[in-house]
């Protein structure tokens, strides 16, 4: 390779590698900026297991989770993408009884929710202490 060919080879190599560099840096994702959100949901001081929690932003797709036996949750934006959209959210929490198909969580936390949360850059730990009354 001659001295004059080297700059052309370097340019060709850079052009070939640039699209991959964007993928490594996280550019070109199919979703808005997200942040991880986790926490614990309790009802009357007891962990609320098997409850669905839904964070709905002002604009964009919602994030969901199901609480475990300790009432812990971690939001998913998509099945393979954790987190929630940055900004304010309306939150709904429900747990349906398999036998009666009734929601055991008061309507003020789901159908008539008063719950709100703010998702900020970085990790977010947001707990919900619900009461029956």
N, C-alpha and C. Protein backbone atom coordinates (compact mmCIF):
# COMPACT_ATOMS: atom_id res chain seq x y z
N UNK A 1 0.85 -1.17 0.00
CA UNK A 1 0.00 0.00 0.00
C UNK A 1 0.89 1.23 0.00
N UNK A 2 0.60 2.15 -0.84
CA UNK A 2 1.42 3.36 -0.95
C UNK A 2 0.99 4.37 0.10
N UNK A 3 1.80 5.36 0.31
CA UNK A 3 1.53 6.42 1.27
C UNK A 3 0.22 7.15 0.94
N UNK A 4 -0.07 7.35 -0.35
CA UNK A 4 -1.29 8.06 -0.77
C UNK A 4 -2.55 7.21 -0.55
N UNK A 5 -2.43 5.89 -0.52
CA UNK A 5 -3.59 5.02 -0.36
C UNK A 5 -4.02 4.92 1.11
N UNK A 6 -3.12 5.14 2.07
CA UNK A 6 -3.44 4.99 3.49
C UNK A 6 -4.58 5.90 3.95
N UNK A 7 -4.58 7.21 3.66
CA UNK A 7 -5.70 8.04 4.10
C UNK A 7 -7.03 7.57 3.54
N UNK A 8 -7.04 7.09 2.30
CA UNK A 8 -8.29 6.60 1.71
C UNK A 8 -8.77 5.35 2.42
N UNK A 9 -7.85 4.47 2.82
CA UNK A 9 -8.21 3.25 3.55
C UNK A 9 -8.77 3.60 4.92
N UNK A 10 -8.14 4.56 5.59
CA UNK A 10 -8.63 4.98 6.90
C UNK A 10 -10.02 5.58 6.79
N UNK A 11 -10.24 6.39 5.80
CA UNK A 11 -11.56 7.00 5.59
C UNK A 11 -12.60 5.92 5.33
N UNK A 12 -12.28 4.96 4.49
CA UNK A 12 -13.21 3.87 4.18
C UNK A 12 -13.51 3.06 5.44
N UNK A 13 -12.50 2.81 6.26
CA UNK A 13 -12.69 2.05 7.49
C UNK A 13 -13.58 2.83 8.46
N UNK A 14 -13.35 4.11 8.61
CA UNK A 14 -14.19 4.93 9.50
C UNK A 14 -15.63 4.95 9.03
N UNK A 15 -15.85 5.10 7.75
CA UNK A 15 -17.21 5.11 7.21
C UNK A 15 -17.90 3.78 7.50
N UNK A 16 -17.17 2.69 7.37
CA UNK A 16 -17.74 1.36 7.62
C UNK A 16 -18.07 1.16 9.10
N UNK A 17 -17.29 1.75 10.01
CA UNK A 17 -17.48 1.52 11.44
C UNK A 17 -18.46 2.49 12.10
N UNK A 18 -18.72 3.65 11.52
CA UNK A 18 -19.57 4.65 12.14
C UNK A 18 -20.99 4.18 12.44
N UNK A 19 -21.67 3.47 11.54
CA UNK A 19 -23.02 3.02 11.90
C UNK A 19 -23.03 2.14 13.15
N UNK A 20 -22.07 1.28 13.31
CA UNK A 20 -21.98 0.42 14.49
C UNK A 20 -21.69 1.21 15.74
N UNK A 21 -20.94 2.28 15.64
CA UNK A 21 -20.63 3.12 16.80
C UNK A 21 -21.90 3.74 17.35
N UNK A 22 -22.83 4.11 16.49
CA UNK A 22 -24.10 4.67 16.94
C UNK A 22 -24.90 3.68 17.75
N UNK A 23 -24.86 2.42 17.38
CA UNK A 23 -25.58 1.39 18.11
C UNK A 23 -24.98 1.19 19.49
N UNK A 24 -23.67 1.19 19.58
CA UNK A 24 -23.01 1.00 20.87
C UNK A 24 -23.32 2.16 21.79
N UNK A 25 -23.40 3.36 21.28
CA UNK A 25 -23.66 4.54 22.10
C UNK A 25 -25.14 4.66 22.46
N UNK A 26 -25.99 3.84 21.92
CA UNK A 26 -27.40 3.87 22.25
C UNK A 26 -28.22 4.75 21.33
N UNK A 27 -27.64 5.23 20.27
CA UNK A 27 -28.38 6.08 19.34
C UNK A 27 -29.33 5.22 18.52
N UNK A 28 -30.36 5.82 18.03
CA UNK A 28 -31.26 5.12 17.13
C UNK A 28 -32.23 4.18 17.83
N UNK A 29 -32.45 4.35 19.15
CA UNK A 29 -33.40 3.48 19.83
C UNK A 29 -34.81 3.85 19.38
N UNK A 30 -35.72 2.90 19.53
CA UNK A 30 -37.10 3.10 19.10
C UNK A 30 -37.98 3.64 20.22
N UNK A 31 -37.39 4.18 21.27
CA UNK A 31 -38.19 4.69 22.38
C UNK A 31 -37.58 5.98 22.92
N UNK A 32 -38.39 6.75 23.65
CA UNK A 32 -37.89 8.01 24.23
C UNK A 32 -36.93 7.72 25.39
N UNK A 33 -36.30 8.75 25.95
CA UNK A 33 -35.42 8.53 27.10
C UNK A 33 -36.21 7.90 28.26
N UNK A 34 -35.60 6.88 28.86
CA UNK A 34 -36.23 6.15 29.96
C UNK A 34 -35.34 6.18 31.20
N UNK A 35 -35.93 5.88 32.33
CA UNK A 35 -35.18 5.72 33.57
C UNK A 35 -35.75 4.53 34.33
N UNK A 36 -34.89 3.80 35.05
CA UNK A 36 -35.38 2.67 35.83
C UNK A 36 -36.28 3.13 36.98
N UNK A 37 -37.35 2.36 37.23
CA UNK A 37 -38.27 2.65 38.32
C UNK A 37 -38.58 1.35 39.05
N UNK A 38 -38.41 1.37 40.37
CA UNK A 38 -38.76 0.22 41.19
C UNK A 38 -39.33 0.73 42.50
N UNK A 39 -39.86 -0.17 43.29
CA UNK A 39 -40.39 0.22 44.59
C UNK A 39 -41.17 -0.91 45.21
N UNK A 40 -41.91 -0.56 46.26
CA UNK A 40 -42.71 -1.53 47.00
C UNK A 40 -44.12 -0.96 47.15
N UNK A 41 -45.11 -1.83 46.99
CA UNK A 41 -46.51 -1.45 47.17
C UNK A 41 -47.05 -2.20 48.38
N UNK A 42 -47.63 -1.44 49.32
CA UNK A 42 -48.27 -2.06 50.48
C UNK A 42 -49.72 -1.60 50.55
N UNK A 43 -50.55 -2.45 51.14
CA UNK A 43 -51.95 -2.11 51.39
C UNK A 43 -52.20 -2.34 52.87
N UNK A 44 -52.53 -1.28 53.59
CA UNK A 44 -52.73 -1.33 55.03
C UNK A 44 -51.50 -1.91 55.74
N UNK A 45 -50.33 -1.53 55.27
CA UNK A 45 -49.07 -1.93 55.90
C UNK A 45 -48.54 -3.30 55.50
N UNK A 46 -49.29 -4.03 54.70
CA UNK A 46 -48.88 -5.37 54.26
C UNK A 46 -48.47 -5.34 52.79
N UNK A 47 -47.45 -6.12 52.41
CA UNK A 47 -47.06 -6.16 50.99
C UNK A 47 -48.23 -6.58 50.11
N UNK A 48 -48.39 -5.90 48.99
CA UNK A 48 -49.47 -6.21 48.05
C UNK A 48 -48.90 -7.04 46.91
N UNK A 49 -49.07 -8.36 47.00
CA UNK A 49 -48.55 -9.28 46.00
C UNK A 49 -49.50 -9.40 44.82
N UNK A 50 -48.94 -9.72 43.67
CA UNK A 50 -49.72 -10.00 42.44
C UNK A 50 -50.58 -8.81 41.99
N UNK A 51 -50.13 -7.62 42.27
CA UNK A 51 -50.85 -6.43 41.83
C UNK A 51 -50.21 -5.91 40.55
N UNK A 52 -51.05 -5.39 39.67
CA UNK A 52 -50.53 -4.76 38.45
C UNK A 52 -50.37 -3.28 38.73
N UNK A 53 -49.21 -2.74 38.37
CA UNK A 53 -48.94 -1.31 38.52
C UNK A 53 -48.66 -0.75 37.13
N UNK A 54 -49.34 0.36 36.81
CA UNK A 54 -49.22 0.97 35.48
C UNK A 54 -48.88 2.45 35.65
N UNK A 55 -47.78 2.86 35.05
CA UNK A 55 -47.37 4.27 35.00
C UNK A 55 -47.71 4.78 33.61
N UNK A 56 -48.58 5.80 33.53
CA UNK A 56 -48.99 6.37 32.25
C UNK A 56 -48.48 7.81 32.16
N UNK A 57 -47.56 8.08 31.22
CA UNK A 57 -47.05 9.45 31.08
C UNK A 57 -48.05 10.34 30.38
N UNK A 58 -47.79 11.66 30.41
CA UNK A 58 -48.66 12.61 29.71
C UNK A 58 -48.69 12.31 28.22
N UNK A 59 -47.53 11.94 27.68
CA UNK A 59 -47.43 11.55 26.26
C UNK A 59 -46.55 10.31 26.17
N UNK A 60 -46.95 9.38 25.35
CA UNK A 60 -46.13 8.20 25.14
C UNK A 60 -46.72 6.95 25.74
N UNK A 61 -45.94 5.90 25.62
CA UNK A 61 -46.35 4.56 26.03
C UNK A 61 -46.23 4.40 27.55
N UNK A 62 -47.15 3.63 28.13
CA UNK A 62 -47.11 3.36 29.56
C UNK A 62 -46.08 2.27 29.88
N UNK A 63 -45.74 2.14 31.15
CA UNK A 63 -44.86 1.08 31.65
C UNK A 63 -45.63 0.31 32.71
N UNK A 64 -45.35 -1.00 32.81
CA UNK A 64 -46.11 -1.84 33.73
C UNK A 64 -45.21 -2.79 34.51
N UNK A 65 -45.79 -3.36 35.57
CA UNK A 65 -45.12 -4.40 36.34
C UNK A 65 -46.17 -5.14 37.15
N UNK A 66 -45.80 -6.32 37.62
CA UNK A 66 -46.61 -7.09 38.56
C UNK A 66 -45.77 -7.23 39.83
N UNK A 67 -46.38 -6.93 40.98
CA UNK A 67 -45.63 -7.02 42.24
C UNK A 67 -45.38 -8.48 42.62
N UNK A 68 -44.26 -8.70 43.30
CA UNK A 68 -43.94 -10.05 43.78
C UNK A 68 -44.54 -10.24 45.18
N UNK A 69 -44.20 -11.32 45.86
CA UNK A 69 -44.78 -11.64 47.17
C UNK A 69 -44.42 -10.60 48.23
N UNK A 70 -43.35 -9.85 48.03
CA UNK A 70 -42.94 -8.79 48.96
C UNK A 70 -43.54 -7.43 48.58
N UNK A 71 -44.34 -7.39 47.50
CA UNK A 71 -44.92 -6.14 47.04
C UNK A 71 -43.97 -5.34 46.16
N UNK A 72 -42.81 -5.91 45.84
CA UNK A 72 -41.81 -5.21 45.04
C UNK A 72 -42.17 -5.23 43.55
N UNK A 73 -41.81 -4.15 42.87
CA UNK A 73 -42.04 -4.08 41.43
C UNK A 73 -40.85 -3.42 40.76
N UNK A 74 -40.71 -3.67 39.45
CA UNK A 74 -39.73 -3.01 38.59
C UNK A 74 -40.40 -2.81 37.25
N UNK A 75 -40.54 -1.55 36.84
CA UNK A 75 -41.29 -1.25 35.62
C UNK A 75 -40.59 -1.71 34.35
N UNK A 76 -41.41 -2.14 33.40
CA UNK A 76 -40.96 -2.53 32.06
C UNK A 76 -41.65 -1.63 31.06
N UNK A 77 -40.88 -1.04 30.16
CA UNK A 77 -41.43 -0.22 29.08
C UNK A 77 -41.89 -1.13 27.94
N UNK A 78 -41.06 -2.10 27.62
CA UNK A 78 -41.35 -3.16 26.66
C UNK A 78 -40.91 -4.46 27.30
N UNK A 79 -41.31 -5.61 26.79
CA UNK A 79 -40.90 -6.87 27.43
C UNK A 79 -39.40 -6.99 27.65
N UNK A 80 -38.61 -6.42 26.76
CA UNK A 80 -37.15 -6.53 26.89
C UNK A 80 -36.47 -5.19 27.20
N UNK A 81 -37.27 -4.19 27.62
CA UNK A 81 -36.73 -2.86 27.93
C UNK A 81 -37.30 -2.39 29.27
N UNK A 82 -36.43 -2.23 30.26
CA UNK A 82 -36.85 -1.76 31.58
C UNK A 82 -37.00 -0.25 31.61
N UNK A 83 -37.82 0.22 32.56
CA UNK A 83 -37.92 1.65 32.82
C UNK A 83 -39.24 2.27 32.43
N UNK A 84 -39.27 3.61 32.56
CA UNK A 84 -40.44 4.40 32.23
C UNK A 84 -39.98 5.72 31.61
N UNK A 85 -40.85 6.33 30.85
CA UNK A 85 -40.60 7.62 30.21
C UNK A 85 -40.36 8.67 31.30
N UNK A 86 -39.42 9.57 31.06
CA UNK A 86 -39.15 10.65 32.01
C UNK A 86 -40.34 11.60 32.07
N UNK A 87 -40.60 12.13 33.27
CA UNK A 87 -41.66 13.11 33.44
C UNK A 87 -42.77 12.63 34.36
N UNK A 88 -43.87 13.41 34.41
CA UNK A 88 -44.99 13.07 35.29
C UNK A 88 -45.81 11.90 34.75
N UNK A 89 -46.35 11.12 35.68
CA UNK A 89 -47.16 9.95 35.34
C UNK A 89 -48.39 9.88 36.24
N UNK A 90 -49.46 9.33 35.69
CA UNK A 90 -50.60 8.91 36.49
C UNK A 90 -50.37 7.43 36.76
N UNK A 91 -50.60 7.01 38.01
CA UNK A 91 -50.32 5.63 38.40
C UNK A 91 -51.62 4.93 38.79
N UNK A 92 -51.76 3.70 38.30
CA UNK A 92 -52.92 2.87 38.65
C UNK A 92 -52.41 1.54 39.20
N UNK A 93 -53.02 1.11 40.29
CA UNK A 93 -52.64 -0.17 40.91
C UNK A 93 -53.91 -0.99 41.11
N UNK A 94 -53.89 -2.22 40.60
CA UNK A 94 -55.05 -3.11 40.67
C UNK A 94 -54.60 -4.52 41.05
N UNK A 95 -55.49 -5.25 41.70
CA UNK A 95 -55.27 -6.69 41.94
C UNK A 95 -56.63 -7.37 41.91
N UNK A 96 -56.82 -8.18 40.87
CA UNK A 96 -58.10 -8.83 40.69
C UNK A 96 -58.09 -10.21 41.33
N UNK A 97 -59.14 -10.51 42.07
CA UNK A 97 -59.33 -11.82 42.69
C UNK A 97 -59.74 -12.80 41.59
N UNK A 98 -59.04 -13.92 41.49
CA UNK A 98 -59.29 -14.89 40.42
C UNK A 98 -60.70 -15.50 40.50
N UNK A 99 -61.24 -15.64 41.72
CA UNK A 99 -62.56 -16.25 41.88
C UNK A 99 -63.70 -15.27 41.59
N UNK A 100 -63.60 -14.06 42.12
CA UNK A 100 -64.70 -13.11 41.99
C UNK A 100 -64.51 -12.12 40.84
N UNK A 101 -63.30 -12.02 40.34
CA UNK A 101 -62.92 -11.06 39.30
C UNK A 101 -63.12 -9.60 39.76
N UNK A 102 -63.15 -9.40 41.07
CA UNK A 102 -63.27 -8.07 41.63
C UNK A 102 -61.89 -7.54 42.00
N UNK A 103 -61.72 -6.24 41.90
CA UNK A 103 -60.45 -5.61 42.26
C UNK A 103 -60.42 -5.42 43.77
N UNK A 104 -59.39 -5.95 44.42
CA UNK A 104 -59.27 -5.83 45.87
C UNK A 104 -58.60 -4.53 46.30
N UNK A 105 -58.20 -3.71 45.34
CA UNK A 105 -57.58 -2.42 45.63
C UNK A 105 -58.66 -1.34 45.47
N UNK A 106 -58.78 -0.42 46.43
CA UNK A 106 -59.81 0.63 46.33
C UNK A 106 -59.72 1.41 45.02
N UNK A 107 -60.87 1.85 44.49
CA UNK A 107 -60.91 2.58 43.22
C UNK A 107 -60.05 3.84 43.18
N UNK A 108 -59.78 4.45 44.35
CA UNK A 108 -58.97 5.68 44.37
C UNK A 108 -57.53 5.42 43.92
N UNK A 109 -57.17 4.13 43.75
CA UNK A 109 -55.83 3.78 43.29
C UNK A 109 -55.82 3.19 41.87
N UNK A 110 -57.01 3.05 41.26
CA UNK A 110 -57.06 2.51 39.89
C UNK A 110 -58.09 3.24 39.05
N UNK A 111 -59.34 2.81 39.03
CA UNK A 111 -60.34 3.43 38.16
C UNK A 111 -60.51 4.93 38.41
N UNK A 112 -60.40 5.34 39.68
CA UNK A 112 -60.52 6.76 40.05
C UNK A 112 -59.22 7.24 40.68
N UNK A 113 -58.11 6.84 40.11
CA UNK A 113 -56.81 7.06 40.74
C UNK A 113 -56.51 8.51 41.10
N UNK A 114 -55.87 8.63 42.24
CA UNK A 114 -55.33 9.92 42.68
C UNK A 114 -53.81 9.86 42.75
N UNK A 115 -53.25 8.72 42.33
CA UNK A 115 -51.80 8.51 42.43
C UNK A 115 -51.07 9.18 41.27
N UNK A 116 -49.97 9.84 41.62
CA UNK A 116 -49.10 10.46 40.61
C UNK A 116 -47.66 10.18 41.00
N UNK A 117 -46.78 10.18 40.00
CA UNK A 117 -45.35 9.98 40.25
C UNK A 117 -44.55 10.73 39.20
N UNK A 118 -43.37 11.14 39.57
CA UNK A 118 -42.45 11.83 38.67
C UNK A 118 -41.25 10.92 38.43
N UNK A 119 -41.00 10.59 37.16
CA UNK A 119 -39.84 9.77 36.80
C UNK A 119 -38.73 10.72 36.35
N UNK A 120 -37.60 10.64 37.04
CA UNK A 120 -36.47 11.52 36.77
C UNK A 120 -35.29 10.74 36.22
N UNK A 121 -34.33 11.45 35.63
CA UNK A 121 -33.11 10.79 35.14
C UNK A 121 -32.45 10.08 36.31
N UNK A 122 -31.80 8.95 36.01
CA UNK A 122 -31.18 8.15 37.06
C UNK A 122 -32.19 7.15 37.60
N UNK A 123 -31.82 6.47 38.67
CA UNK A 123 -32.69 5.46 39.26
C UNK A 123 -33.78 6.11 40.09
N UNK A 124 -34.97 5.55 40.02
CA UNK A 124 -36.13 6.05 40.76
C UNK A 124 -36.67 4.93 41.65
N UNK A 125 -36.75 5.19 42.95
CA UNK A 125 -37.38 4.24 43.87
C UNK A 125 -38.64 4.90 44.39
N UNK A 126 -39.80 4.38 43.95
CA UNK A 126 -41.08 5.01 44.28
C UNK A 126 -41.96 3.95 44.96
N UNK A 127 -42.20 4.15 46.25
CA UNK A 127 -43.04 3.25 47.03
C UNK A 127 -44.46 3.80 47.10
N UNK A 128 -45.43 2.90 47.22
CA UNK A 128 -46.83 3.27 47.36
C UNK A 128 -47.39 2.59 48.61
N UNK A 129 -47.83 3.42 49.58
CA UNK A 129 -48.41 2.92 50.82
C UNK A 129 -49.91 3.18 50.75
N UNK A 130 -50.65 2.18 50.29
CA UNK A 130 -52.08 2.29 50.08
C UNK A 130 -52.84 1.93 51.35
N UNK A 131 -54.05 2.51 51.50
CA UNK A 131 -54.91 2.17 52.63
C UNK A 131 -56.30 1.81 52.12
N UNK A 132 -56.99 0.95 52.85
CA UNK A 132 -58.33 0.51 52.45
C UNK A 132 -59.38 1.58 52.65
N UNK A 133 -59.17 2.49 53.59
CA UNK A 133 -60.19 3.52 53.85
C UNK A 133 -60.03 4.74 53.01
